Each structure stands twice: as structure tokens, then as C-alpha cells.
Full PDB file with SEQRES, HELIX, SHEET, SSBOND, CRYST1, ORIGX, SCALE, CONECT and MASTER records, all heavy atoms in Angstrom:
SEQRES   1 A   41  GLY ASP ASP LEU VAL SER PHE ALA THR HIS SER HIS ASP          
SEQRES   2 A   41  LEU HIS LYS ASP VAL ARG SER ASN LYS TRP GLY ASN ARG          
SEQRES   3 A   41  GLN PRO ALA ALA VAL THR GLN GLU TRP LEU ALA GLU LYS          
SEQRES   4 A   41  GLU THR                                                      
HELIX    1 AA1 ALA A   29  VAL A   31  5                                   3    
SHEET    1 AA1 2 ASP A  17  ARG A  19  0                                        
SHEET    2 AA1 2 ARG A  26  PRO A  28 -1                                        
CRYST1    1.000    1.000    1.000  90.00  90.00  90.00 P 1           1          
ORIGX1      1.000000  0.000000  0.000000        0.00000                         
ORIGX2      0.000000  1.000000  0.000000        0.00000                         
ORIGX3      0.000000  0.000000  1.000000        0.00000                         
SCALE1      1.000000  0.000000  0.000000        0.00000                         
SCALE2      0.000000  1.000000  0.000000        0.00000                         
SCALE3      0.000000  0.000000  1.000000        0.00000                         
ATOM      1  N   GLY A   1    -196.384  -4.185 -11.109  1.00  0.00           N  
ATOM      2  CA  GLY A   1    -197.847  -4.026 -11.087  1.00  0.00           C  
ATOM      3  C   GLY A   1    -198.325  -2.676 -10.701  1.00  0.00           C  
ATOM      4  O   GLY A   1    -199.520  -2.469 -10.719  1.00  0.00           O  
ATOM      5  N   ASP A   2    -197.435  -1.814 -10.273  1.00  0.00           N  
ATOM      6  CA  ASP A   2    -197.727  -0.460  -9.846  1.00  0.00           C  
ATOM      7  C   ASP A   2    -197.347   0.531 -10.899  1.00  0.00           C  
ATOM      8  O   ASP A   2    -196.190   0.618 -11.365  1.00  0.00           O  
ATOM      9  CB  ASP A   2    -197.089  -0.150  -8.547  1.00  0.00           C  
ATOM     10  CG  ASP A   2    -197.579   1.107  -7.889  1.00  0.00           C  
ATOM     11  OD1 ASP A   2    -197.919   2.063  -8.631  1.00  0.00           O  
ATOM     12  OD2 ASP A   2    -197.678   1.129  -6.618  1.00  0.00           O  
ATOM     13  N   ASP A   3    -198.284   1.359 -11.373  1.00  0.00           N  
ATOM     14  CA  ASP A   3    -198.010   2.337 -12.398  1.00  0.00           C  
ATOM     15  C   ASP A   3    -196.978   3.398 -11.991  1.00  0.00           C  
ATOM     16  O   ASP A   3    -196.455   4.139 -12.868  1.00  0.00           O  
ATOM     17  CB  ASP A   3    -199.284   2.988 -12.860  1.00  0.00           C  
ATOM     18  CG  ASP A   3    -200.232   2.152 -13.605  1.00  0.00           C  
ATOM     19  OD1 ASP A   3    -199.733   1.071 -14.117  1.00  0.00           O  
ATOM     20  OD2 ASP A   3    -201.428   2.434 -13.677  1.00  0.00           O  
ATOM     21  N   LEU A   4    -196.707   3.504 -10.667  1.00  0.00           N  
ATOM     22  CA  LEU A   4    -195.731   4.487 -10.193  1.00  0.00           C  
ATOM     23  C   LEU A   4    -194.291   4.052 -10.557  1.00  0.00           C  
ATOM     24  O   LEU A   4    -193.345   4.898 -10.624  1.00  0.00           O  
ATOM     25  CB  LEU A   4    -195.793   4.598  -8.703  1.00  0.00           C  
ATOM     26  CG  LEU A   4    -196.994   5.388  -8.147  1.00  0.00           C  
ATOM     27  CD1 LEU A   4    -196.937   5.234  -6.562  1.00  0.00           C  
ATOM     28  CD2 LEU A   4    -197.000   6.826  -8.549  1.00  0.00           C  
ATOM     29  N   VAL A   5    -194.117   2.755 -10.934  1.00  0.00           N  
ATOM     30  CA  VAL A   5    -192.755   2.239 -11.137  1.00  0.00           C  
ATOM     31  C   VAL A   5    -192.488   1.955 -12.646  1.00  0.00           C  
ATOM     32  O   VAL A   5    -193.252   1.317 -13.281  1.00  0.00           O  
ATOM     33  CB  VAL A   5    -192.565   0.939 -10.365  1.00  0.00           C  
ATOM     34  CG1 VAL A   5    -191.151   0.525 -10.420  1.00  0.00           C  
ATOM     35  CG2 VAL A   5    -192.951   1.146  -8.872  1.00  0.00           C  
ATOM     36  N   SER A   6    -191.364   2.551 -13.108  1.00  0.00           N  
ATOM     37  CA  SER A   6    -190.932   2.221 -14.444  1.00  0.00           C  
ATOM     38  C   SER A   6    -189.624   1.489 -14.393  1.00  0.00           C  
ATOM     39  O   SER A   6    -188.924   1.502 -13.354  1.00  0.00           O  
ATOM     40  CB  SER A   6    -190.676   3.564 -15.274  1.00  0.00           C  
ATOM     41  OG  SER A   6    -191.852   4.295 -15.299  1.00  0.00           O  
ATOM     42  N   PHE A   7    -189.209   0.828 -15.532  1.00  0.00           N  
ATOM     43  CA  PHE A   7    -187.982   0.073 -15.492  1.00  0.00           C  
ATOM     44  C   PHE A   7    -187.157   0.447 -16.717  1.00  0.00           C  
ATOM     45  O   PHE A   7    -187.701   0.735 -17.803  1.00  0.00           O  
ATOM     46  CB  PHE A   7    -188.323  -1.404 -15.591  1.00  0.00           C  
ATOM     47  CG  PHE A   7    -189.024  -1.919 -14.329  1.00  0.00           C  
ATOM     48  CD1 PHE A   7    -190.395  -1.941 -14.312  1.00  0.00           C  
ATOM     49  CD2 PHE A   7    -188.265  -2.307 -13.225  1.00  0.00           C  
ATOM     50  CE1 PHE A   7    -191.047  -2.393 -13.176  1.00  0.00           C  
ATOM     51  CE2 PHE A   7    -188.975  -2.825 -12.100  1.00  0.00           C  
ATOM     52  CZ  PHE A   7    -190.295  -2.808 -12.074  1.00  0.00           C  
ATOM     53  N   ALA A   8    -185.793   0.441 -16.496  1.00  0.00           N  
ATOM     54  CA  ALA A   8    -184.867   0.758 -17.565  1.00  0.00           C  
ATOM     55  C   ALA A   8    -183.749  -0.216 -17.453  1.00  0.00           C  
ATOM     56  O   ALA A   8    -183.430  -0.786 -16.358  1.00  0.00           O  
ATOM     57  CB  ALA A   8    -184.381   2.179 -17.455  1.00  0.00           C  
ATOM     58  N   THR A   9    -183.057  -0.507 -18.553  1.00  0.00           N  
ATOM     59  CA  THR A   9    -181.921  -1.335 -18.511  1.00  0.00           C  
ATOM     60  C   THR A   9    -180.695  -0.466 -18.148  1.00  0.00           C  
ATOM     61  O   THR A   9    -180.533   0.704 -18.561  1.00  0.00           O  
ATOM     62  CB  THR A   9    -181.572  -1.991 -19.879  1.00  0.00           C  
ATOM     63  OG1 THR A   9    -180.353  -2.665 -19.775  1.00  0.00           O  
ATOM     64  CG2 THR A   9    -181.581  -1.066 -21.046  1.00  0.00           C  
ATOM     65  N   HIS A  10    -179.909  -1.071 -17.271  1.00  0.00           N  
ATOM     66  CA  HIS A  10    -178.629  -0.440 -16.907  1.00  0.00           C  
ATOM     67  C   HIS A  10    -177.516  -1.263 -17.452  1.00  0.00           C  
ATOM     68  O   HIS A  10    -176.385  -1.290 -16.928  1.00  0.00           O  
ATOM     69  CB  HIS A  10    -178.585  -0.386 -15.356  1.00  0.00           C  
ATOM     70  CG  HIS A  10    -177.592   0.678 -14.812  1.00  0.00           C  
ATOM     71  ND1 HIS A  10    -177.160   1.780 -15.553  1.00  0.00           N  
ATOM     72  CD2 HIS A  10    -176.995   0.832 -13.605  1.00  0.00           C  
ATOM     73  CE1 HIS A  10    -176.345   2.474 -14.824  1.00  0.00           C  
ATOM     74  NE2 HIS A  10    -176.215   1.918 -13.685  1.00  0.00           N  
ATOM     75  N   SER A  11    -177.828  -2.010 -18.483  1.00  0.00           N  
ATOM     76  CA  SER A  11    -176.962  -3.002 -19.259  1.00  0.00           C  
ATOM     77  C   SER A  11    -177.176  -4.352 -18.713  1.00  0.00           C  
ATOM     78  O   SER A  11    -177.778  -4.617 -17.627  1.00  0.00           O  
ATOM     79  CB  SER A  11    -175.495  -2.599 -19.160  1.00  0.00           C  
ATOM     80  OG  SER A  11    -174.866  -3.124 -18.019  1.00  0.00           O  
ATOM     81  N   HIS A  12    -176.676  -5.343 -19.532  1.00  0.00           N  
ATOM     82  CA  HIS A  12    -176.706  -6.696 -19.067  1.00  0.00           C  
ATOM     83  C   HIS A  12    -175.347  -7.052 -18.380  1.00  0.00           C  
ATOM     84  O   HIS A  12    -175.214  -7.453 -17.254  1.00  0.00           O  
ATOM     85  CB  HIS A  12    -176.929  -7.700 -20.133  1.00  0.00           C  
ATOM     86  CG  HIS A  12    -176.874  -9.130 -19.709  1.00  0.00           C  
ATOM     87  ND1 HIS A  12    -177.845  -9.688 -18.934  1.00  0.00           N  
ATOM     88  CD2 HIS A  12    -175.984 -10.171 -19.976  1.00  0.00           C  
ATOM     89  CE1 HIS A  12    -177.570 -10.952 -18.687  1.00  0.00           C  
ATOM     90  NE2 HIS A  12    -176.419 -11.265 -19.237  1.00  0.00           N  
ATOM     91  N   ASP A  13    -174.262  -6.777 -19.164  1.00  0.00           N  
ATOM     92  CA  ASP A  13    -172.881  -7.228 -18.640  1.00  0.00           C  
ATOM     93  C   ASP A  13    -171.881  -6.184 -19.017  1.00  0.00           C  
ATOM     94  O   ASP A  13    -170.771  -6.520 -19.472  1.00  0.00           O  
ATOM     95  CB  ASP A  13    -172.515  -8.557 -19.183  1.00  0.00           C  
ATOM     96  CG  ASP A  13    -171.328  -9.169 -18.486  1.00  0.00           C  
ATOM     97  OD1 ASP A  13    -171.172  -8.919 -17.284  1.00  0.00           O  
ATOM     98  OD2 ASP A  13    -170.615  -9.916 -19.104  1.00  0.00           O  
ATOM     99  N   LEU A  14    -172.210  -4.865 -18.869  1.00  0.00           N  
ATOM    100  CA  LEU A  14    -171.251  -3.853 -19.179  1.00  0.00           C  
ATOM    101  C   LEU A  14    -170.678  -3.189 -17.982  1.00  0.00           C  
ATOM    102  O   LEU A  14    -169.776  -2.360 -18.098  1.00  0.00           O  
ATOM    103  CB  LEU A  14    -171.906  -2.723 -20.017  1.00  0.00           C  
ATOM    104  CG  LEU A  14    -172.392  -3.085 -21.439  1.00  0.00           C  
ATOM    105  CD1 LEU A  14    -173.086  -2.006 -22.192  1.00  0.00           C  
ATOM    106  CD2 LEU A  14    -171.195  -3.640 -22.263  1.00  0.00           C  
ATOM    107  N   HIS A  15    -171.047  -3.621 -16.782  1.00  0.00           N  
ATOM    108  CA  HIS A  15    -170.441  -3.046 -15.573  1.00  0.00           C  
ATOM    109  C   HIS A  15    -169.216  -3.870 -15.213  1.00  0.00           C  
ATOM    110  O   HIS A  15    -169.118  -4.609 -14.196  1.00  0.00           O  
ATOM    111  CB  HIS A  15    -171.472  -3.148 -14.399  1.00  0.00           C  
ATOM    112  CG  HIS A  15    -172.462  -2.031 -14.498  1.00  0.00           C  
ATOM    113  ND1 HIS A  15    -173.384  -1.779 -15.525  1.00  0.00           N  
ATOM    114  CD2 HIS A  15    -172.687  -0.979 -13.608  1.00  0.00           C  
ATOM    115  CE1 HIS A  15    -174.047  -0.742 -15.322  1.00  0.00           C  
ATOM    116  NE2 HIS A  15    -173.746  -0.257 -14.156  1.00  0.00           N  
ATOM    117  N   LYS A  16    -168.190  -3.729 -16.048  1.00  0.00           N  
ATOM    118  CA  LYS A  16    -166.952  -4.477 -15.865  1.00  0.00           C  
ATOM    119  C   LYS A  16    -165.886  -3.818 -16.632  1.00  0.00           C  
ATOM    120  O   LYS A  16    -166.157  -2.927 -17.493  1.00  0.00           O  
ATOM    121  CB  LYS A  16    -167.089  -5.938 -16.273  1.00  0.00           C  
ATOM    122  CG  LYS A  16    -167.372  -6.151 -17.724  1.00  0.00           C  
ATOM    123  CD  LYS A  16    -167.525  -7.610 -18.197  1.00  0.00           C  
ATOM    124  CE  LYS A  16    -167.757  -7.665 -19.648  1.00  0.00           C  
ATOM    125  NZ  LYS A  16    -167.882  -9.125 -20.082  1.00  0.00           N  
ATOM    126  N   ASP A  17    -164.703  -4.225 -16.468  1.00  0.00           N  
ATOM    127  CA  ASP A  17    -163.622  -3.680 -17.242  1.00  0.00           C  
ATOM    128  C   ASP A  17    -163.219  -4.666 -18.354  1.00  0.00           C  
ATOM    129  O   ASP A  17    -163.422  -5.903 -18.217  1.00  0.00           O  
ATOM    130  CB  ASP A  17    -162.304  -3.440 -16.467  1.00  0.00           C  
ATOM    131  CG  ASP A  17    -162.442  -2.344 -15.399  1.00  0.00           C  
ATOM    132  OD1 ASP A  17    -163.379  -1.480 -15.696  1.00  0.00           O  
ATOM    133  OD2 ASP A  17    -161.706  -2.346 -14.400  1.00  0.00           O  
ATOM    134  N   VAL A  18    -162.695  -4.138 -19.480  1.00  0.00           N  
ATOM    135  CA  VAL A  18    -162.301  -4.973 -20.616  1.00  0.00           C  
ATOM    136  C   VAL A  18    -160.863  -4.534 -20.981  1.00  0.00           C  
ATOM    137  O   VAL A  18    -160.438  -3.393 -20.701  1.00  0.00           O  
ATOM    138  CB  VAL A  18    -163.187  -4.830 -21.838  1.00  0.00           C  
ATOM    139  CG1 VAL A  18    -164.603  -5.502 -21.513  1.00  0.00           C  
ATOM    140  CG2 VAL A  18    -163.257  -3.452 -22.359  1.00  0.00           C  
ATOM    141  N   ARG A  19    -160.112  -5.353 -21.637  1.00  0.00           N  
ATOM    142  CA  ARG A  19    -158.803  -5.044 -22.077  1.00  0.00           C  
ATOM    143  C   ARG A  19    -158.950  -3.962 -23.146  1.00  0.00           C  
ATOM    144  O   ARG A  19    -159.694  -4.140 -24.093  1.00  0.00           O  
ATOM    145  CB  ARG A  19    -158.085  -6.304 -22.621  1.00  0.00           C  
ATOM    146  CG  ARG A  19    -156.616  -6.062 -22.988  1.00  0.00           C  
ATOM    147  CD  ARG A  19    -155.933  -7.353 -23.321  1.00  0.00           C  
ATOM    148  NE  ARG A  19    -154.572  -7.068 -23.853  1.00  0.00           N  
ATOM    149  CZ  ARG A  19    -153.734  -8.053 -24.235  1.00  0.00           C  
ATOM    150  NH1 ARG A  19    -154.148  -9.362 -24.266  1.00  0.00           N  
ATOM    151  NH2 ARG A  19    -152.540  -7.732 -24.754  1.00  0.00           N  
ATOM    152  N   SER A  20    -158.104  -2.969 -23.094  1.00  0.00           N  
ATOM    153  CA  SER A  20    -158.181  -1.860 -24.008  1.00  0.00           C  
ATOM    154  C   SER A  20    -157.002  -1.692 -24.933  1.00  0.00           C  
ATOM    155  O   SER A  20    -157.064  -0.897 -25.887  1.00  0.00           O  
ATOM    156  CB  SER A  20    -158.324  -0.486 -23.231  1.00  0.00           C  
ATOM    157  OG  SER A  20    -157.263  -0.362 -22.352  1.00  0.00           O  
ATOM    158  N   ASN A  21    -155.923  -2.372 -24.749  1.00  0.00           N  
ATOM    159  CA  ASN A  21    -154.772  -2.320 -25.657  1.00  0.00           C  
ATOM    160  C   ASN A  21    -153.893  -3.553 -25.528  1.00  0.00           C  
ATOM    161  O   ASN A  21    -154.066  -4.380 -24.633  1.00  0.00           O  
ATOM    162  CB  ASN A  21    -154.024  -1.043 -25.414  1.00  0.00           C  
ATOM    163  CG  ASN A  21    -153.551  -0.854 -23.900  1.00  0.00           C  
ATOM    164  OD1 ASN A  21    -153.129  -1.886 -23.365  1.00  0.00           O  
ATOM    165  ND2 ASN A  21    -153.622   0.314 -23.366  1.00  0.00           N  
ATOM    166  N   LYS A  22    -152.792  -3.561 -26.278  1.00  0.00           N  
ATOM    167  CA  LYS A  22    -151.911  -4.743 -26.383  1.00  0.00           C  
ATOM    168  C   LYS A  22    -151.110  -4.866 -25.024  1.00  0.00           C  
ATOM    169  O   LYS A  22    -150.557  -5.921 -24.766  1.00  0.00           O  
ATOM    170  CB  LYS A  22    -151.032  -4.690 -27.589  1.00  0.00           C  
ATOM    171  CG  LYS A  22    -150.053  -3.497 -27.621  1.00  0.00           C  
ATOM    172  CD  LYS A  22    -149.204  -3.566 -28.837  1.00  0.00           C  
ATOM    173  CE  LYS A  22    -148.173  -2.386 -28.881  1.00  0.00           C  
ATOM    174  NZ  LYS A  22    -147.361  -2.493 -30.175  1.00  0.00           N  
ATOM    175  N   TRP A  23    -151.000  -3.788 -24.255  1.00  0.00           N  
ATOM    176  CA  TRP A  23    -150.189  -3.867 -23.008  1.00  0.00           C  
ATOM    177  C   TRP A  23    -151.028  -4.379 -21.804  1.00  0.00           C  
ATOM    178  O   TRP A  23    -150.516  -4.499 -20.759  1.00  0.00           O  
ATOM    179  CB  TRP A  23    -149.689  -2.474 -22.738  1.00  0.00           C  
ATOM    180  CG  TRP A  23    -148.706  -1.975 -23.804  1.00  0.00           C  
ATOM    181  CD1 TRP A  23    -147.413  -2.367 -23.932  1.00  0.00           C  
ATOM    182  CD2 TRP A  23    -149.003  -1.080 -24.848  1.00  0.00           C  
ATOM    183  NE1 TRP A  23    -146.893  -1.747 -25.069  1.00  0.00           N  
ATOM    184  CE2 TRP A  23    -147.916  -0.845 -25.582  1.00  0.00           C  
ATOM    185  CE3 TRP A  23    -150.231  -0.284 -25.149  1.00  0.00           C  
ATOM    186  CZ2 TRP A  23    -147.798  -0.083 -26.713  1.00  0.00           C  
ATOM    187  CZ3 TRP A  23    -150.097   0.511 -26.306  1.00  0.00           C  
ATOM    188  CH2 TRP A  23    -148.956   0.603 -27.052  1.00  0.00           C  
ATOM    189  N   GLY A  24    -152.333  -4.632 -22.067  1.00  0.00           N  
ATOM    190  CA  GLY A  24    -153.113  -5.255 -21.014  1.00  0.00           C  
ATOM    191  C   GLY A  24    -153.853  -4.305 -20.218  1.00  0.00           C  
ATOM    192  O   GLY A  24    -154.407  -4.632 -19.113  1.00  0.00           O  
ATOM    193  N   ASN A  25    -153.836  -3.000 -20.468  1.00  0.00           N  
ATOM    194  CA  ASN A  25    -154.567  -2.007 -19.657  1.00  0.00           C  
ATOM    195  C   ASN A  25    -156.098  -2.310 -19.759  1.00  0.00           C  
ATOM    196  O   ASN A  25    -156.510  -2.824 -20.796  1.00  0.00           O  
ATOM    197  CB  ASN A  25    -154.298  -0.592 -20.144  1.00  0.00           C  
ATOM    198  CG  ASN A  25    -152.923  -0.210 -19.988  1.00  0.00           C  
ATOM    199  OD1 ASN A  25    -152.151  -0.197 -20.975  1.00  0.00           O  
ATOM    200  ND2 ASN A  25    -152.432   0.095 -18.729  1.00  0.00           N  
ATOM    201  N   ARG A  26    -156.839  -1.953 -18.737  1.00  0.00           N  
ATOM    202  CA  ARG A  26    -158.259  -2.280 -18.701  1.00  0.00           C  
ATOM    203  C   ARG A  26    -159.047  -0.962 -18.427  1.00  0.00           C  
ATOM    204  O   ARG A  26    -158.618  -0.110 -17.629  1.00  0.00           O  
ATOM    205  CB  ARG A  26    -158.541  -3.329 -17.643  1.00  0.00           C  
ATOM    206  CG  ARG A  26    -157.807  -4.643 -17.922  1.00  0.00           C  
ATOM    207  CD  ARG A  26    -158.147  -5.723 -16.885  1.00  0.00           C  
ATOM    208  NE  ARG A  26    -159.576  -6.195 -17.184  1.00  0.00           N  
ATOM    209  CZ  ARG A  26    -159.872  -7.120 -18.155  1.00  0.00           C  
ATOM    210  NH1 ARG A  26    -158.935  -7.629 -18.882  1.00  0.00           N  
ATOM    211  NH2 ARG A  26    -161.140  -7.511 -18.283  1.00  0.00           N  
ATOM    212  N   GLN A  27    -160.155  -0.903 -19.086  1.00  0.00           N  
ATOM    213  CA  GLN A  27    -161.061   0.232 -18.948  1.00  0.00           C  
ATOM    214  C   GLN A  27    -162.569  -0.196 -18.919  1.00  0.00           C  
ATOM    215  O   GLN A  27    -162.825  -1.341 -19.259  1.00  0.00           O  
ATOM    216  CB  GLN A  27    -160.875   1.176 -20.191  1.00  0.00           C  
ATOM    217  CG  GLN A  27    -159.435   1.827 -20.334  1.00  0.00           C  
ATOM    218  CD  GLN A  27    -159.084   2.744 -19.216  1.00  0.00           C  
ATOM    219  OE1 GLN A  27    -160.015   3.415 -18.593  1.00  0.00           O  
ATOM    220  NE2 GLN A  27    -157.871   2.883 -18.877  1.00  0.00           N  
ATOM    221  N   PRO A  28    -163.427   0.716 -18.428  1.00  0.00           N  
ATOM    222  CA  PRO A  28    -164.850   0.275 -18.359  1.00  0.00           C  
ATOM    223  C   PRO A  28    -165.419  -0.221 -19.745  1.00  0.00           C  
ATOM    224  O   PRO A  28    -165.186   0.513 -20.782  1.00  0.00           O  
ATOM    225  CB  PRO A  28    -165.533   1.581 -17.910  1.00  0.00           C  
ATOM    226  CG  PRO A  28    -164.531   2.271 -17.159  1.00  0.00           C  
ATOM    227  CD  PRO A  28    -163.216   1.997 -17.929  1.00  0.00           C  
ATOM    228  N   ALA A  29    -166.168  -1.308 -19.756  1.00  0.00           N  
ATOM    229  CA  ALA A  29    -166.611  -1.928 -20.967  1.00  0.00           C  
ATOM    230  C   ALA A  29    -167.491  -1.015 -21.774  1.00  0.00           C  
ATOM    231  O   ALA A  29    -167.548  -1.141 -23.027  1.00  0.00           O  
ATOM    232  CB  ALA A  29    -167.267  -3.221 -20.648  1.00  0.00           C  
ATOM    233  N   ALA A  30    -168.331  -0.234 -21.083  1.00  0.00           N  
ATOM    234  CA  ALA A  30    -169.355   0.547 -21.793  1.00  0.00           C  
ATOM    235  C   ALA A  30    -168.826   1.695 -22.626  1.00  0.00           C  
ATOM    236  O   ALA A  30    -169.455   2.171 -23.522  1.00  0.00           O  
ATOM    237  CB  ALA A  30    -170.417   1.068 -20.796  1.00  0.00           C  
ATOM    238  N   VAL A  31    -167.612   2.140 -22.259  1.00  0.00           N  
ATOM    239  CA  VAL A  31    -167.004   3.320 -22.944  1.00  0.00           C  
ATOM    240  C   VAL A  31    -165.727   3.106 -23.633  1.00  0.00           C  
ATOM    241  O   VAL A  31    -164.993   3.982 -23.909  1.00  0.00           O  
ATOM    242  CB  VAL A  31    -166.875   4.501 -21.989  1.00  0.00           C  
ATOM    243  CG1 VAL A  31    -168.227   4.942 -21.451  1.00  0.00           C  
ATOM    244  CG2 VAL A  31    -166.029   4.085 -20.767  1.00  0.00           C  
ATOM    245  N   THR A  32    -165.435   1.768 -23.804  1.00  0.00           N  
ATOM    246  CA  THR A  32    -164.075   1.432 -24.370  1.00  0.00           C  
ATOM    247  C   THR A  32    -164.143   0.493 -25.579  1.00  0.00           C  
ATOM    248  O   THR A  32    -164.981  -0.461 -25.579  1.00  0.00           O  
ATOM    249  CB  THR A  32    -163.256   0.699 -23.242  1.00  0.00           C  
ATOM    250  OG1 THR A  32    -163.152   1.526 -22.132  1.00  0.00           O  
ATOM    251  CG2 THR A  32    -161.879   0.279 -23.737  1.00  0.00           C  
ATOM    252  N   GLN A  33    -163.382   0.826 -26.630  1.00  0.00           N  
ATOM    253  CA  GLN A  33    -163.313  -0.105 -27.738  1.00  0.00           C  
ATOM    254  C   GLN A  33    -162.320  -1.275 -27.257  1.00  0.00           C  
ATOM    255  O   GLN A  33    -161.151  -0.951 -26.973  1.00  0.00           O  
ATOM    256  CB  GLN A  33    -162.728   0.599 -28.957  1.00  0.00           C  
ATOM    257  CG  GLN A  33    -163.781   1.515 -29.560  1.00  0.00           C  
ATOM    258  CD  GLN A  33    -163.210   2.381 -30.717  1.00  0.00           C  
ATOM    259  OE1 GLN A  33    -163.203   3.567 -30.543  1.00  0.00           O  
ATOM    260  NE2 GLN A  33    -162.885   1.760 -31.872  1.00  0.00           N  
ATOM    261  N   GLU A  34    -162.859  -2.389 -27.173  1.00  0.00           N  
ATOM    262  CA  GLU A  34    -162.149  -3.583 -26.568  1.00  0.00           C  
ATOM    263  C   GLU A  34    -161.057  -4.125 -27.460  1.00  0.00           C  
ATOM    264  O   GLU A  34    -161.107  -4.062 -28.682  1.00  0.00           O  
ATOM    265  CB  GLU A  34    -163.168  -4.700 -26.319  1.00  0.00           C  
ATOM    266  CG  GLU A  34    -162.591  -5.855 -25.584  1.00  0.00           C  
ATOM    267  CD  GLU A  34    -163.690  -6.853 -25.181  1.00  0.00           C  
ATOM    268  OE1 GLU A  34    -164.813  -6.690 -25.565  1.00  0.00           O  
ATOM    269  OE2 GLU A  34    -163.339  -7.876 -24.509  1.00  0.00           O  
ATOM    270  N   TRP A  35    -159.948  -4.463 -26.794  1.00  0.00           N  
ATOM    271  CA  TRP A  35    -158.778  -5.068 -27.526  1.00  0.00           C  
ATOM    272  C   TRP A  35    -159.199  -6.464 -27.903  1.00  0.00           C  
ATOM    273  O   TRP A  35    -159.558  -7.282 -27.122  1.00  0.00           O  
ATOM    274  CB  TRP A  35    -157.527  -5.124 -26.632  1.00  0.00           C  
ATOM    275  CG  TRP A  35    -156.359  -5.859 -27.215  1.00  0.00           C  
ATOM    276  CD1 TRP A  35    -156.011  -7.073 -26.980  1.00  0.00           C  
ATOM    277  CD2 TRP A  35    -155.471  -5.334 -28.258  1.00  0.00           C  
ATOM    278  NE1 TRP A  35    -154.855  -7.513 -27.730  1.00  0.00           N  
ATOM    279  CE2 TRP A  35    -154.544  -6.379 -28.525  1.00  0.00           C  
ATOM    280  CE3 TRP A  35    -155.345  -4.048 -28.915  1.00  0.00           C  
ATOM    281  CZ2 TRP A  35    -153.523  -6.259 -29.375  1.00  0.00           C  
ATOM    282  CZ3 TRP A  35    -154.336  -3.993 -29.814  1.00  0.00           C  
ATOM    283  CH2 TRP A  35    -153.383  -5.013 -30.059  1.00  0.00           C  
ATOM    284  N   LEU A  36    -159.111  -6.803 -29.223  1.00  0.00           N  
ATOM    285  CA  LEU A  36    -159.338  -8.111 -29.728  1.00  0.00           C  
ATOM    286  C   LEU A  36    -158.013  -8.854 -29.913  1.00  0.00           C  
ATOM    287  O   LEU A  36    -157.325  -8.656 -30.897  1.00  0.00           O  
ATOM    288  CB  LEU A  36    -160.100  -7.994 -31.049  1.00  0.00           C  
ATOM    289  CG  LEU A  36    -161.458  -7.158 -30.995  1.00  0.00           C  
ATOM    290  CD1 LEU A  36    -162.035  -7.040 -32.344  1.00  0.00           C  
ATOM    291  CD2 LEU A  36    -162.412  -7.789 -29.993  1.00  0.00           C  
ATOM    292  N   ALA A  37    -157.707  -9.795 -29.002  1.00  0.00           N  
ATOM    293  CA  ALA A  37    -156.433 -10.440 -28.967  1.00  0.00           C  
ATOM    294  C   ALA A  37    -156.205 -11.246 -30.304  1.00  0.00           C  
ATOM    295  O   ALA A  37    -155.070 -11.284 -30.836  1.00  0.00           O  
ATOM    296  CB  ALA A  37    -156.358 -11.393 -27.851  1.00  0.00           C  
ATOM    297  N   GLU A  38    -157.280 -11.874 -30.764  1.00  0.00           N  
ATOM    298  CA  GLU A  38    -157.154 -12.762 -31.957  1.00  0.00           C  
ATOM    299  C   GLU A  38    -156.845 -11.897 -33.200  1.00  0.00           C  
ATOM    300  O   GLU A  38    -156.170 -12.371 -34.137  1.00  0.00           O  
ATOM    301  CB  GLU A  38    -158.405 -13.598 -32.167  1.00  0.00           C  
ATOM    302  CG  GLU A  38    -159.675 -12.732 -32.540  1.00  0.00           C  
ATOM    303  CD  GLU A  38    -160.384 -12.236 -31.370  1.00  0.00           C  
ATOM    304  OE1 GLU A  38    -159.827 -12.199 -30.335  1.00  0.00           O  
ATOM    305  OE2 GLU A  38    -161.497 -11.673 -31.625  1.00  0.00           O  
ATOM    306  N   LYS A  39    -157.197 -10.677 -33.181  1.00  0.00           N  
ATOM    307  CA  LYS A  39    -156.923  -9.770 -34.357  1.00  0.00           C  
ATOM    308  C   LYS A  39    -155.767  -8.779 -34.016  1.00  0.00           C  
ATOM    309  O   LYS A  39    -155.308  -8.106 -34.953  1.00  0.00           O  
ATOM    310  CB  LYS A  39    -158.123  -8.966 -34.642  1.00  0.00           C  
ATOM    311  CG  LYS A  39    -159.342  -9.737 -35.191  1.00  0.00           C  
ATOM    312  CD  LYS A  39    -160.519  -8.849 -35.553  1.00  0.00           C  
ATOM    313  CE  LYS A  39    -161.715  -9.601 -36.088  1.00  0.00           C  
ATOM    314  NZ  LYS A  39    -162.884  -8.745 -36.403  1.00  0.00           N  
ATOM    315  N   GLU A  40    -155.314  -8.776 -32.779  1.00  0.00           N  
ATOM    316  CA  GLU A  40    -154.261  -7.870 -32.422  1.00  0.00           C  
ATOM    317  C   GLU A  40    -154.506  -6.431 -32.649  1.00  0.00           C  
ATOM    318  O   GLU A  40    -153.702  -5.656 -33.205  1.00  0.00           O  
ATOM    319  CB  GLU A  40    -152.886  -8.304 -32.944  1.00  0.00           C  
ATOM    320  CG  GLU A  40    -152.445  -9.713 -32.470  1.00  0.00           C  
ATOM    321  CD  GLU A  40    -151.013 -10.058 -32.838  1.00  0.00           C  
ATOM    322  OE1 GLU A  40    -150.506  -9.401 -33.870  1.00  0.00           O  
ATOM    323  OE2 GLU A  40    -150.480 -10.863 -32.266  1.00  0.00           O  
ATOM    324  N   THR A  41    -155.808  -6.067 -32.419  1.00  0.00           N  
ATOM    325  CA  THR A  41    -156.200  -4.681 -32.667  1.00  0.00           C  
ATOM    326  C   THR A  41    -157.493  -4.453 -31.776  1.00  0.00           C  
ATOM    327  O   THR A  41    -158.039  -5.390 -31.227  1.00  0.00           O  
ATOM    328  CB  THR A  41    -156.554  -4.395 -34.142  1.00  0.00           C  
ATOM    329  OG1 THR A  41    -156.795  -2.994 -34.298  1.00  0.00           O  
ATOM    330  CG2 THR A  41    -157.757  -5.222 -34.560  1.00  0.00           C  
TER     331      THR A  41                                                      
MASTER        0    0    0    1    2    0    0    6  330    1    0    4          
END                                                                             
């Protein structure tokens, strides 16, 4: 309600790690192409 305040998204659910390769390594979700186990890629 105050014009001094603005809002931005800092993501919904990207502040976490995701699997990044077949060996199970994990990296931040926002900057990583996720490993898709069902496609093995």
C-alpha cells in the first residue's frame, strides 16, 4: 500500500539444487540444465 515499496520475484522454487548428471552431482537449479533420469540425459 506504500508507493515507496516495489516487489520482484526471486523465483518460486529455484533456490535449491537439482541433479546435474548421471553420477548424481547436484548444482543450483537456476543455473543448471537438470538431469532427466527418465531420458538419461
